[in-house]
Amino acid sequence: MKLFSSILISITLILVLFFIVLQLQFSIERINGKRIDGKLGCLR
């Protein structure tokens, strides 16, 4: 049972890290998108 809980904790940590990385990439893309908004504004 201890092994299962440790595996669960590690999976949760990996998911949280993955979510944080996705949020960071999204915010970086939004910041870059403001600079290149003239070209991408027509496509979106």
Protein backbone atom coordinates (compact mmCIF):
# COMPACT_ATOMS: atom_id res chain seq x y z
CA MET A 1 0.00 0.00 0.00
CA LYS A 2 2.93 2.32 0.68
CA LEU A 3 4.32 1.67 -2.79
CA PHE A 4 0.97 2.51 -4.37
CA SER A 5 0.72 5.83 -2.53
CA SER A 6 4.27 6.80 -3.51
CA ILE A 7 3.52 5.97 -7.16
CA LEU A 8 0.35 8.05 -6.94
CA ILE A 9 2.27 10.99 -5.47
CA SER A 10 4.94 10.80 -8.17
CA ILE A 11 2.29 10.68 -10.95
CA THR A 12 0.55 13.70 -9.40
CA LEU A 13 3.84 15.61 -9.27
CA ILE A 14 4.56 14.80 -12.92
CA LEU A 15 1.09 15.96 -13.95
CA VAL A 16 1.46 19.20 -11.99
CA LEU A 17 4.87 19.89 -13.57
CA PHE A 18 3.46 19.14 -17.02
CA PHE A 19 0.55 21.53 -16.39
CA ILE A 20 2.92 24.28 -15.22
CA VAL A 21 5.07 23.84 -18.34
CA LEU A 22 1.98 24.05 -20.55
CA GLN A 23 0.87 27.24 -18.79
CA LEU A 24 4.34 28.76 -19.23
CA GLN A 25 4.42 27.89 -22.94
CA PHE A 26 0.92 29.33 -23.40
CA SER A 27 1.84 32.62 -21.71
CA ILE A 28 5.08 32.85 -23.71
CA GLU A 29 3.15 32.26 -26.94
CA ARG A 30 0.67 34.97 -25.97
CA ILE A 31 3.52 37.42 -25.30
CA ASN A 32 5.16 36.55 -28.63
CA GLY A 33 1.77 36.63 -30.36
CA LYS A 34 1.35 40.28 -29.42
CA ARG A 35 4.52 41.09 -31.33
CA ILE A 36 3.57 39.08 -34.41
CA ASP A 37 -0.11 39.95 -34.10
CA GLY A 38 -0.23 41.68 -37.50
CA LYS A 39 0.59 38.53 -39.46
CA LEU A 40 -1.29 35.99 -37.34
CA GLY A 41 -4.30 38.25 -36.82
CA CYS A 42 -5.45 37.63 -40.39
CA LEU A 43 -5.09 33.85 -40.13
CA ARG A 44 -7.01 33.58 -36.85
